[in-house]
Amino acid sequence: MKTPTPYEALCQATERLKSQAALARLCNVTQPVAWRWLQSSKRLPAEYVLRVEAATGVSRHHLRPDIYPVSLCQSCSAAVLMPDIAADCAFNRAADLHNGVAA
């Protein structure tokens, strides 16, 4: 399955909301602003990504892969693309073990 471009993901989110006007209402902007995202910038501004993801189910990783890259391993034990997160997870697991929290 092909990963959608940010533009295709934005179009998909708009389709799930049924209209540009609904996208605009969700983001608390005017419809012409939503139209501009689709026609000019071809991407959703960062401040609206999580809201649109929650309302439509379109992944933040597809809407803005430049901000939300996908790690190769969701459990982050082998997160090649996001080594800082893998290190944080390893640190948290070690702290849990030290504090007696079951993994």
PDB file of N, CA and C in Angstrom:
ATOM      1  N   MET A   1       0.846  -1.192   0.000  1.00  0.00           N
ATOM      2  CA  MET A   1       0.000   0.000   0.000  1.00  0.00           C
ATOM      3  C   MET A   1       0.888   1.252   0.000  1.00  0.00           C
ATOM      4  N   LYS A   2       0.579   2.179  -0.884  1.00  0.00           N
ATOM      5  CA  LYS A   2       1.355   3.406  -1.041  1.00  0.00           C
ATOM      6  C   LYS A   2       1.018   4.404   0.073  1.00  0.00           C
ATOM      7  N   THR A   3       2.044   5.008   0.621  1.00  0.00           N
ATOM      8  CA  THR A   3       1.849   6.040   1.637  1.00  0.00           C
ATOM      9  C   THR A   3       1.370   7.311   0.943  1.00  0.00           C
ATOM     10  N   PRO A   4       0.283   7.923   1.450  1.00  0.00           N
ATOM     11  CA  PRO A   4      -0.208   9.144   0.802  1.00  0.00           C
ATOM     12  C   PRO A   4       0.736  10.322   1.030  1.00  0.00           C
ATOM     13  N   THR A   5       0.749  11.228   0.082  1.00  0.00           N
ATOM     14  CA  THR A   5       1.489  12.476   0.257  1.00  0.00           C
ATOM     15  C   THR A   5       0.730  13.330   1.268  1.00  0.00           C
ATOM     16  N   PRO A   6       1.369  14.357   1.837  1.00  0.00           N
ATOM     17  CA  PRO A   6       0.637  15.251   2.738  1.00  0.00           C
ATOM     18  C   PRO A   6      -0.601  15.860   2.068  1.00  0.00           C
ATOM     19  N   TYR A   7      -0.502  16.180   0.789  1.00  0.00           N
ATOM     20  CA  TYR A   7      -1.645  16.732   0.069  1.00  0.00           C
ATOM     21  C   TYR A   7      -2.770  15.702  -0.040  1.00  0.00           C
ATOM     22  N   GLU A   8      -2.423  14.460  -0.393  1.00  0.00           N
ATOM     23  CA  GLU A   8      -3.441  13.410  -0.489  1.00  0.00           C
ATOM     24  C   GLU A   8      -4.091  13.147   0.869  1.00  0.00           C
ATOM     25  N   ALA A   9      -3.303  13.195   1.941  1.00  0.00           N
ATOM     26  CA  ALA A   9      -3.848  13.002   3.283  1.00  0.00           C
ATOM     27  C   ALA A   9      -4.798  14.142   3.649  1.00  0.00           C
ATOM     28  N   LEU A  10      -4.448  15.361   3.281  1.00  0.00           N
ATOM     29  CA  LEU A  10      -5.319  16.507   3.543  1.00  0.00           C
ATOM     30  C   LEU A  10      -6.628  16.371   2.760  1.00  0.00           C
ATOM     31  N   CYS A  11      -6.543  15.934   1.517  1.00  0.00           N
ATOM     32  CA  CYS A  11      -7.755  15.705   0.720  1.00  0.00           C
ATOM     33  C   CYS A  11      -8.616  14.622   1.350  1.00  0.00           C
ATOM     34  N   GLN A  12      -7.982  13.562   1.822  1.00  0.00           N
ATOM     35  CA  GLN A  12      -8.716  12.477   2.468  1.00  0.00           C
ATOM     36  C   GLN A  12      -9.420  12.973   3.733  1.00  0.00           C
ATOM     37  N   ALA A  13      -8.738  13.772   4.535  1.00  0.00           N
ATOM     38  CA  ALA A  13      -9.352  14.325   5.743  1.00  0.00           C
ATOM     39  C   ALA A  13     -10.541  15.207   5.379  1.00  0.00           C
ATOM     40  N   THR A  14     -10.386  16.021   4.336  1.00  0.00           N
ATOM     41  CA  THR A  14     -11.484  16.885   3.893  1.00  0.00           C
ATOM     42  C   THR A  14     -12.667  16.050   3.426  1.00  0.00           C
ATOM     43  N   GLU A  15     -12.404  14.981   2.699  1.00  0.00           N
ATOM     44  CA  GLU A  15     -13.485  14.091   2.247  1.00  0.00           C
ATOM     45  C   GLU A  15     -14.200  13.453   3.432  1.00  0.00           C
ATOM     46  N   ARG A  16     -13.460  13.043   4.437  1.00  0.00           N
ATOM     47  CA  ARG A  16     -14.077  12.422   5.620  1.00  0.00           C
ATOM     48  C   ARG A  16     -14.930  13.422   6.393  1.00  0.00           C
ATOM     49  N   LEU A  17     -14.539  14.691   6.347  1.00  0.00           N
ATOM     50  CA  LEU A  17     -15.331  15.733   7.010  1.00  0.00           C
ATOM     51  C   LEU A  17     -16.487  16.204   6.136  1.00  0.00           C
ATOM     52  N   LYS A  18     -16.490  15.784   4.870  1.00  0.00           N
ATOM     53  CA  LYS A  18     -17.544  16.061   3.887  1.00  0.00           C
ATOM     54  C   LYS A  18     -17.433  17.388   3.160  1.00  0.00           C
ATOM     55  N   SER A  19     -16.594  18.326   3.652  1.00  0.00           N
ATOM     56  CA  SER A  19     -16.479  19.600   2.938  1.00  0.00           C
ATOM     57  C   SER A  19     -15.313  20.426   3.462  1.00  0.00           C
ATOM     58  N   GLN A  20     -14.892  21.383   2.649  1.00  0.00           N
ATOM     59  CA  GLN A  20     -13.888  22.343   3.092  1.00  0.00           C
ATOM     60  C   GLN A  20     -14.427  23.194   4.234  1.00  0.00           C
ATOM     61  N   ALA A  21     -15.719  23.487   4.186  1.00  0.00           N
ATOM     62  CA  ALA A  21     -16.332  24.293   5.251  1.00  0.00           C
ATOM     63  C   ALA A  21     -16.258  23.561   6.594  1.00  0.00           C
ATOM     64  N   ALA A  22     -16.469  22.244   6.577  1.00  0.00           N
ATOM     65  CA  ALA A  22     -16.384  21.466   7.816  1.00  0.00           C
ATOM     66  C   ALA A  22     -14.946  21.443   8.338  1.00  0.00           C
ATOM     67  N   LEU A  23     -13.971  21.333   7.426  1.00  0.00           N
ATOM     68  CA  LEU A  23     -12.566  21.398   7.819  1.00  0.00           C
ATOM     69  C   LEU A  23     -12.271  22.755   8.446  1.00  0.00           C
ATOM     70  N   ALA A  24     -12.777  23.799   7.830  1.00  0.00           N
ATOM     71  CA  ALA A  24     -12.565  25.156   8.345  1.00  0.00           C
ATOM     72  C   ALA A  24     -13.171  25.313   9.741  1.00  0.00           C
ATOM     73  N   ARG A  25     -14.398  24.815   9.923  1.00  0.00           N
ATOM     74  CA  ARG A  25     -15.038  24.903  11.250  1.00  0.00           C
ATOM     75  C   ARG A  25     -14.223  24.145  12.297  1.00  0.00           C
ATOM     76  N   LEU A  26     -13.756  22.959  11.941  1.00  0.00           N
ATOM     77  CA  LEU A  26     -12.962  22.156  12.867  1.00  0.00           C
ATOM     78  C   LEU A  26     -11.710  22.911  13.310  1.00  0.00           C
ATOM     79  N   CYS A  27     -11.092  23.614  12.387  1.00  0.00           N
ATOM     80  CA  CYS A  27      -9.847  24.336  12.672  1.00  0.00           C
ATOM     81  C   CYS A  27     -10.072  25.781  13.112  1.00  0.00           C
ATOM     82  N   ASN A  28     -11.327  26.175  13.176  1.00  0.00           N
ATOM     83  CA  ASN A  28     -11.691  27.528  13.606  1.00  0.00           C
ATOM     84  C   ASN A  28     -11.062  28.597  12.700  1.00  0.00           C
ATOM     85  N   VAL A  29     -11.170  28.338  11.397  1.00  0.00           N
ATOM     86  CA  VAL A  29     -10.732  29.300  10.379  1.00  0.00           C
ATOM     87  C   VAL A  29     -11.874  29.459   9.382  1.00  0.00           C
ATOM     88  N   THR A  30     -11.723  30.368   8.437  1.00  0.00           N
ATOM     89  CA  THR A  30     -12.751  30.547   7.416  1.00  0.00           C
ATOM     90  C   THR A  30     -12.564  29.532   6.290  1.00  0.00           C
ATOM     91  N   GLN A  31     -13.606  29.298   5.540  1.00  0.00           N
ATOM     92  CA  GLN A  31     -13.543  28.343   4.434  1.00  0.00           C
ATOM     93  C   GLN A  31     -12.505  28.740   3.389  1.00  0.00           C
ATOM     94  N   PRO A  32     -12.361  30.027   3.051  1.00  0.00           N
ATOM     95  CA  PRO A  32     -11.302  30.382   2.093  1.00  0.00           C
ATOM     96  C   PRO A  32      -9.892  30.009   2.573  1.00  0.00           C
ATOM     97  N   VAL A  33      -9.686  30.014   3.871  1.00  0.00           N
ATOM     98  CA  VAL A  33      -8.383  29.601   4.399  1.00  0.00           C
ATOM     99  C   VAL A  33      -8.176  28.108   4.141  1.00  0.00           C
ATOM    100  N   ALA A  34      -9.198  27.309   4.415  1.00  0.00           N
ATOM    101  CA  ALA A  34      -9.107  25.864   4.144  1.00  0.00           C
ATOM    102  C   ALA A  34      -8.908  25.624   2.648  1.00  0.00           C
ATOM    103  N   TRP A  35      -9.585  26.375   1.808  1.00  0.00           N
ATOM    104  CA  TRP A  35      -9.413  26.261   0.359  1.00  0.00           C
ATOM    105  C   TRP A  35      -7.951  26.532  -0.023  1.00  0.00           C
ATOM    106  N   ARG A  36      -7.365  27.560   0.584  1.00  0.00           N
ATOM    107  CA  ARG A  36      -5.977  27.923   0.297  1.00  0.00           C
ATOM    108  C   ARG A  36      -5.020  26.788   0.672  1.00  0.00           C
ATOM    109  N   TRP A  37      -5.299  26.112   1.809  1.00  0.00           N
ATOM    110  CA  TRP A  37      -4.449  24.975   2.187  1.00  0.00           C
ATOM    111  C   TRP A  37      -4.473  23.916   1.097  1.00  0.00           C
ATOM    112  N   LEU A  38      -5.656  23.664   0.560  1.00  0.00           N
ATOM    113  CA  LEU A  38      -5.806  22.624  -0.458  1.00  0.00           C
ATOM    114  C   LEU A  38      -5.263  23.054  -1.819  1.00  0.00           C
ATOM    115  N   GLN A  39      -5.419  24.307  -2.178  1.00  0.00           N
ATOM    116  CA  GLN A  39      -5.055  24.754  -3.509  1.00  0.00           C
ATOM    117  C   GLN A  39      -3.644  25.341  -3.622  1.00  0.00           C
ATOM    118  N   SER A  40      -3.163  25.966  -2.574  1.00  0.00           N
ATOM    119  CA  SER A  40      -1.873  26.648  -2.662  1.00  0.00           C
ATOM    120  C   SER A  40      -0.761  25.927  -1.912  1.00  0.00           C
ATOM    121  N   SER A  41      -0.929  25.804  -0.609  1.00  0.00           N
ATOM    122  CA  SER A  41       0.162  25.224   0.179  1.00  0.00           C
ATOM    123  C   SER A  41       0.199  23.703   0.079  1.00  0.00           C
ATOM    124  N   LYS A  42      -0.963  23.095  -0.185  1.00  0.00           N
ATOM    125  CA  LYS A  42      -1.080  21.645  -0.343  1.00  0.00           C
ATOM    126  C   LYS A  42      -0.708  20.881   0.929  1.00  0.00           C
ATOM    127  N   ARG A  43      -0.762  21.580   2.080  1.00  0.00           N
ATOM    128  CA  ARG A  43      -0.514  20.897   3.340  1.00  0.00           C
ATOM    129  C   ARG A  43      -1.222  21.612   4.475  1.00  0.00           C
ATOM    130  N   LEU A  44      -1.490  20.857   5.516  1.00  0.00           N
ATOM    131  CA  LEU A  44      -2.177  21.382   6.690  1.00  0.00           C
ATOM    132  C   LEU A  44      -1.165  22.054   7.609  1.00  0.00           C
ATOM    133  N   PRO A  45      -1.437  23.269   8.082  1.00  0.00           N
ATOM    134  CA  PRO A  45      -0.521  23.892   9.031  1.00  0.00           C
ATOM    135  C   PRO A  45      -0.373  23.032  10.291  1.00  0.00           C
ATOM    136  N   ALA A  46       0.794  23.054  10.855  1.00  0.00           N
ATOM    137  CA  ALA A  46       1.154  22.185  11.979  1.00  0.00           C
ATOM    138  C   ALA A  46       0.194  22.296  13.167  1.00  0.00           C
ATOM    139  N   GLU A  47      -0.288  23.486  13.443  1.00  0.00           N
ATOM    140  CA  GLU A  47      -1.112  23.663  14.644  1.00  0.00           C
ATOM    141  C   GLU A  47      -2.471  22.963  14.568  1.00  0.00           C
ATOM    142  N   TYR A  48      -2.861  22.476  13.395  1.00  0.00           N
ATOM    143  CA  TYR A  48      -4.159  21.822  13.244  1.00  0.00           C
ATOM    144  C   TYR A  48      -4.068  20.305  13.058  1.00  0.00           C
ATOM    145  N   VAL A  49      -2.866  19.788  12.946  1.00  0.00           N
ATOM    146  CA  VAL A  49      -2.685  18.376  12.603  1.00  0.00           C
ATOM    147  C   VAL A  49      -3.344  17.443  13.604  1.00  0.00           C
ATOM    148  N   LEU A  50      -3.092  17.624  14.888  1.00  0.00           N
ATOM    149  CA  LEU A  50      -3.640  16.698  15.887  1.00  0.00           C
ATOM    150  C   LEU A  50      -5.160  16.772  15.954  1.00  0.00           C
ATOM    151  N   ARG A  51      -5.710  17.951  15.787  1.00  0.00           N
ATOM    152  CA  ARG A  51      -7.163  18.124  15.792  1.00  0.00           C
ATOM    153  C   ARG A  51      -7.796  17.403  14.608  1.00  0.00           C
ATOM    154  N   VAL A  52      -7.198  17.549  13.437  1.00  0.00           N
ATOM    155  CA  VAL A  52      -7.723  16.900  12.233  1.00  0.00           C
ATOM    156  C   VAL A  52      -7.569  15.383  12.342  1.00  0.00           C
ATOM    157  N   GLU A  53      -6.448  14.944  12.866  1.00  0.00           N
ATOM    158  CA  GLU A  53      -6.253  13.502  13.049  1.00  0.00           C
ATOM    159  C   GLU A  53      -7.328  12.927  13.961  1.00  0.00           C
ATOM    160  N   ALA A  54      -7.601  13.593  15.085  1.00  0.00           N
ATOM    161  CA  ALA A  54      -8.600  13.103  16.033  1.00  0.00           C
ATOM    162  C   ALA A  54      -9.999  13.059  15.421  1.00  0.00           C
ATOM    163  N   ALA A  55     -10.322  14.023  14.587  1.00  0.00           N
ATOM    164  CA  ALA A  55     -11.664  14.112  14.014  1.00  0.00           C
ATOM    165  C   ALA A  55     -11.863  13.190  12.811  1.00  0.00           C
ATOM    166  N   THR A  56     -10.785  12.901  12.083  1.00  0.00           N
ATOM    167  CA  THR A  56     -10.941  12.164  10.817  1.00  0.00           C
ATOM    168  C   THR A  56     -10.299  10.785  10.809  1.00  0.00           C
ATOM    169  N   GLY A  57      -9.352  10.568  11.695  1.00  0.00           N
ATOM    170  CA  GLY A  57      -8.617   9.311  11.674  1.00  0.00           C
ATOM    171  C   GLY A  57      -7.477   9.287  10.667  1.00  0.00           C
ATOM    172  N   VAL A  58      -7.269  10.384   9.956  1.00  0.00           N
ATOM    173  CA  VAL A  58      -6.142  10.466   9.027  1.00  0.00           C
ATOM    174  C   VAL A  58      -4.883  10.730   9.865  1.00  0.00           C
ATOM    175  N   SER A  59      -3.895   9.876   9.710  1.00  0.00           N
ATOM    176  CA  SER A  59      -2.710   9.892  10.557  1.00  0.00           C
ATOM    177  C   SER A  59      -1.907  11.184  10.455  1.00  0.00           C
ATOM    178  N   ARG A  60      -1.431  11.627  11.600  1.00  0.00           N
ATOM    179  CA  ARG A  60      -0.528  12.785  11.651  1.00  0.00           C
ATOM    180  C   ARG A  60       0.741  12.520  10.842  1.00  0.00           C
ATOM    181  N   HIS A  61       1.134  11.239  10.768  1.00  0.00           N
ATOM    182  CA  HIS A  61       2.329  10.865  10.013  1.00  0.00           C
ATOM    183  C   HIS A  61       2.128  11.077   8.514  1.00  0.00           C
ATOM    184  N   HIS A  62       0.870  10.993   8.068  1.00  0.00           N
ATOM    185  CA  HIS A  62       0.571  11.238   6.662  1.00  0.00           C
ATOM    186  C   HIS A  62       0.309  12.716   6.406  1.00  0.00           C
ATOM    187  N   LEU A  63      -0.358  13.380   7.346  1.00  0.00           N
ATOM    188  CA  LEU A  63      -0.658  14.799   7.168  1.00  0.00           C
ATOM    189  C   LEU A  63       0.605  15.657   7.167  1.00  0.00           C
ATOM    190  N   ARG A  64       1.534  15.369   8.059  1.00  0.00           N
ATOM    191  CA  ARG A  64       2.771  16.157   8.161  1.00  0.00           C
ATOM    192  C   ARG A  64       3.955  15.264   8.526  1.00  0.00           C
ATOM    193  N   PRO A  65       4.436  14.478   7.576  1.00  0.00           N
ATOM    194  CA  PRO A  65       5.573  13.600   7.876  1.00  0.00           C
ATOM    195  C   PRO A  65       6.855  14.362   8.233  1.00  0.00           C
ATOM    196  N   ASP A  66       6.916  15.640   7.878  1.00  0.00           N
ATOM    197  CA  ASP A  66       8.080  16.436   8.239  1.00  0.00           C
ATOM    198  C   ASP A  66       8.124  16.733   9.732  1.00  0.00           C
ATOM    199  N   ILE A  67       6.970  16.719  10.383  1.00  0.00           N
ATOM    200  CA  ILE A  67       6.881  16.995  11.817  1.00  0.00           C
ATOM    201  C   ILE A  67       6.716  15.703  12.614  1.00  0.00           C
ATOM    202  N   TYR A  68       5.959  14.753  12.069  1.00  0.00           N
ATOM    203  CA  TYR A  68       5.658  13.489  12.748  1.00  0.00           C
ATOM    204  C   TYR A  68       6.161  12.310  11.916  1.00  0.00           C
ATOM    205  N   PRO A  69       7.482  12.074  11.898  1.00  0.00           N
ATOM    206  CA  PRO A  69       7.984  10.941  11.128  1.00  0.00           C
ATOM    207  C   PRO A  69       7.556   9.624  11.771  1.00  0.00           C
ATOM    208  N   VAL A  70       7.462   8.592  10.963  1.00  0.00           N
ATOM    209  CA  VAL A  70       7.061   7.276  11.439  1.00  0.00           C
ATOM    210  C   VAL A  70       8.306   6.518  11.851  1.00  0.00           C
ATOM    211  N   SER A  71       8.272   5.931  13.041  1.00  0.00           N
ATOM    212  CA  SER A  71       9.401   5.097  13.441  1.00  0.00           C
ATOM    213  C   SER A  71       9.213   3.720  12.828  1.00  0.00           C
ATOM    214  N   LEU A  72      10.288   3.004  12.621  1.00  0.00           N
ATOM    215  CA  LEU A  72      10.198   1.668  12.048  1.00  0.00           C
ATOM    216  C   LEU A  72       9.581   0.678  13.023  1.00  0.00           C
ATOM    217  N   CYS A  73       9.748   0.922  14.300  1.00  0.00           N
ATOM    218  CA  CYS A  73       9.235   0.006  15.312  1.00  0.00           C
ATOM    219  C   CYS A  73       8.377   0.802  16.283  1.00  0.00           C
ATOM    220  N   GLN A  74       7.090   0.526  16.306  1.00  0.00           N
ATOM    221  CA  GLN A  74       6.186   1.311  17.135  1.00  0.00           C
ATOM    222  C   GLN A  74       6.472   1.128  18.628  1.00  0.00           C
ATOM    223  N   SER A  75       7.056  -0.002  19.030  1.00  0.00           N
ATOM    224  CA  SER A  75       7.378  -0.189  20.443  1.00  0.00           C
ATOM    225  C   SER A  75       8.662   0.537  20.816  1.00  0.00           C
ATOM    226  N   CYS A  76       9.333   1.106  19.831  1.00  0.00           N
ATOM    227  CA  CYS A  76      10.539   1.932  19.931  1.00  0.00           C
ATOM    228  C   CYS A  76      11.754   1.171  20.441  1.00  0.00           C
ATOM    229  N   SER A  77      11.729  -0.157  20.410  1.00  0.00           N
ATOM    230  CA  SER A  77      12.931  -0.896  20.797  1.00  0.00           C
ATOM    231  C   SER A  77      13.967  -0.859  19.684  1.00  0.00           C
ATOM    232  N   ALA A  78      13.530  -0.615  18.450  1.00  0.00           N
ATOM    233  CA  ALA A  78      14.463  -0.516  17.325  1.00  0.00           C
ATOM    234  C   ALA A  78      14.111   0.678  16.464  1.00  0.00           C
ATOM    235  N   ALA A  79      13.856   1.799  17.101  1.00  0.00           N
ATOM    236  CA  ALA A  79      13.419   2.994  16.381  1.00  0.00           C
ATOM    237  C   ALA A  79      14.596   3.629  15.667  1.00  0.00           C
ATOM    238  N   VAL A  80      14.827   3.201  14.464  1.00  0.00           N
ATOM    239  CA  VAL A  80      15.971   3.665  13.693  1.00  0.00           C
ATOM    240  C   VAL A  80      15.811   5.127  13.298  1.00  0.00           C
ATOM    241  N   LEU A  81      14.579   5.518  12.920  1.00  0.00           N
ATOM    242  CA  LEU A  81      14.374   6.881  12.443  1.00  0.00           C
ATOM    243  C   LEU A  81      14.265   7.897  13.568  1.00  0.00           C
ATOM    244  N   MET A  82      14.015   7.426  14.786  1.00  0.00           N
ATOM    245  CA  MET A  82      13.831   8.344  15.894  1.00  0.00           C
ATOM    246  C   MET A  82      14.644   7.871  17.101  1.00  0.00           C
ATOM    247  N   PRO A  83      15.986   7.943  17.033  1.00  0.00           N
ATOM    248  CA  PRO A  83      16.818   7.395  18.090  1.00  0.00           C
ATOM    249  C   PRO A  83      16.619   8.073  19.440  1.00  0.00           C
ATOM    250  N   ASP A  84      16.249   9.357  19.465  1.00  0.00           N
ATOM    251  CA  ASP A  84      16.031  10.030  20.746  1.00  0.00           C
ATOM    252  C   ASP A  84      14.865   9.418  21.487  1.00  0.00           C
ATOM    253  N   ILE A  85      13.812   9.075  20.761  1.00  0.00           N
ATOM    254  CA  ILE A  85      12.651   8.449  21.388  1.00  0.00           C
ATOM    255  C   ILE A  85      13.007   7.064  21.883  1.00  0.00           C
ATOM    256  N   ALA A  86      13.782   6.314  21.104  1.00  0.00           N
ATOM    257  CA  ALA A  86      14.201   4.981  21.533  1.00  0.00           C
ATOM    258  C   ALA A  86      15.003   5.079  22.824  1.00  0.00           C
ATOM    259  N   ALA A  87      15.875   6.062  22.914  1.00  0.00           N
ATOM    260  CA  ALA A  87      16.672   6.248  24.126  1.00  0.00           C
ATOM    261  C   ALA A  87      15.776   6.605  25.304  1.00  0.00           C
ATOM    262  N   ASP A  88      14.778   7.474  25.094  1.00  0.00           N
ATOM    263  CA  ASP A  88      13.844   7.825  26.160  1.00  0.00           C
ATOM    264  C   ASP A  88      13.071   6.606  26.634  1.00  0.00           C
ATOM    265  N   CYS A  89      12.631   5.764  25.697  1.00  0.00           N
ATOM    266  CA  CYS A  89      11.885   4.570  26.065  1.00  0.00           C
ATOM    267  C   CYS A  89      12.753   3.617  26.875  1.00  0.00           C
ATOM    268  N   ALA A  90      14.003   3.439  26.443  1.00  0.00           N
ATOM    269  CA  ALA A  90      14.917   2.564  27.168  1.00  0.00           C
ATOM    270  C   ALA A  90      15.150   3.107  28.578  1.00  0.00           C
ATOM    271  N   PHE A  91      15.321   4.418  28.693  1.00  0.00           N
ATOM    272  CA  PHE A  91      15.518   5.037  29.998  1.00  0.00           C
ATOM    273  C   PHE A  91      14.294   4.816  30.885  1.00  0.00           C
ATOM    274  N   ASN A  92      13.093   5.012  30.333  1.00  0.00           N
ATOM    275  CA  ASN A  92      11.874   4.828  31.108  1.00  0.00           C
ATOM    276  C   ASN A  92      11.684   3.381  31.534  1.00  0.00           C
ATOM    277  N   ARG A  93      12.016   2.433  30.648  1.00  0.00           N
ATOM    278  CA  ARG A  93      11.911   1.020  31.020  1.00  0.00           C
ATOM    279  C   ARG A  93      12.868   0.695  32.158  1.00  0.00           C
ATOM    280  N   ALA A  94      14.089   1.231  32.099  1.00  0.00           N
ATOM    281  CA  ALA A  94      15.072   0.986  33.150  1.00  0.00           C
ATOM    282  C   ALA A  94      14.595   1.594  34.472  1.00  0.00           C
ATOM    283  N   ALA A  95      14.021   2.787  34.412  1.00  0.00           N
ATOM    284  CA  ALA A  95      13.500   3.427  35.625  1.00  0.00           C
ATOM    285  C   ALA A  95      12.350   2.623  36.210  1.00  0.00           C
ATOM    286  N   ASP A  96      11.479   2.092  35.344  1.00  0.00           N
ATOM    287  CA  ASP A  96      10.366   1.261  35.820  1.00  0.00           C
ATOM    288  C   ASP A  96      10.882   0.015  36.513  1.00  0.00           C
ATOM    289  N   LEU A  97      11.882  -0.636  35.933  1.00  0.00           N
ATOM    290  CA  LEU A  97      12.446  -1.840  36.543  1.00  0.00           C
ATOM    291  C   LEU A  97      13.077  -1.511  37.890  1.00  0.00           C
ATOM    292  N   HIS A  98      13.772  -0.381  37.944  1.00  0.00           N
ATOM    293  CA  HIS A  98      14.405   0.049  39.205  1.00  0.00           C
ATOM    294  C   HIS A  98      13.357   0.324  40.275  1.00  0.00           C
ATOM    295  N   ASN A  99      12.211   0.864  39.875  1.00  0.00           N
ATOM    296  CA  ASN A  99      11.153   1.209  40.827  1.00  0.00           C
ATOM    297  C   ASN A  99      10.186   0.067  41.092  1.00  0.00           C
ATOM    298  N   GLY A 100      10.445  -1.082  40.492  1.00  0.00           N
ATOM    299  CA  GLY A 100       9.598  -2.250  40.744  1.00  0.00           C
ATOM    300  C   GLY A 100       8.326  -2.289  39.946  1.00  0.00           C
ATOM    301  N   VAL A 101       8.244  -1.513  38.882  1.00  0.00           N
ATOM    302  CA  VAL A 101       7.055  -1.512  38.036  1.00  0.00           C
ATOM    303  C   VAL A 101       7.223  -2.616  36.997  1.00  0.00           C
ATOM    304  N   ALA A 102       6.212  -3.466  36.834  1.00  0.00           N
ATOM    305  CA  ALA A 102       6.286  -4.556  35.859  1.00  0.00           C
ATOM    306  C   ALA A 102       6.283  -3.977  34.444  1.00  0.00           C
ATOM    307  N   ALA A 103       7.095  -4.549  33.598  1.00  0.00           N
ATOM    308  CA  ALA A 103       7.194  -4.066  32.225  1.00  0.00           C
ATOM    309  C   ALA A 103       6.086  -4.600  31.375  1.00  0.00           C
TER     310      ALA A 103
END
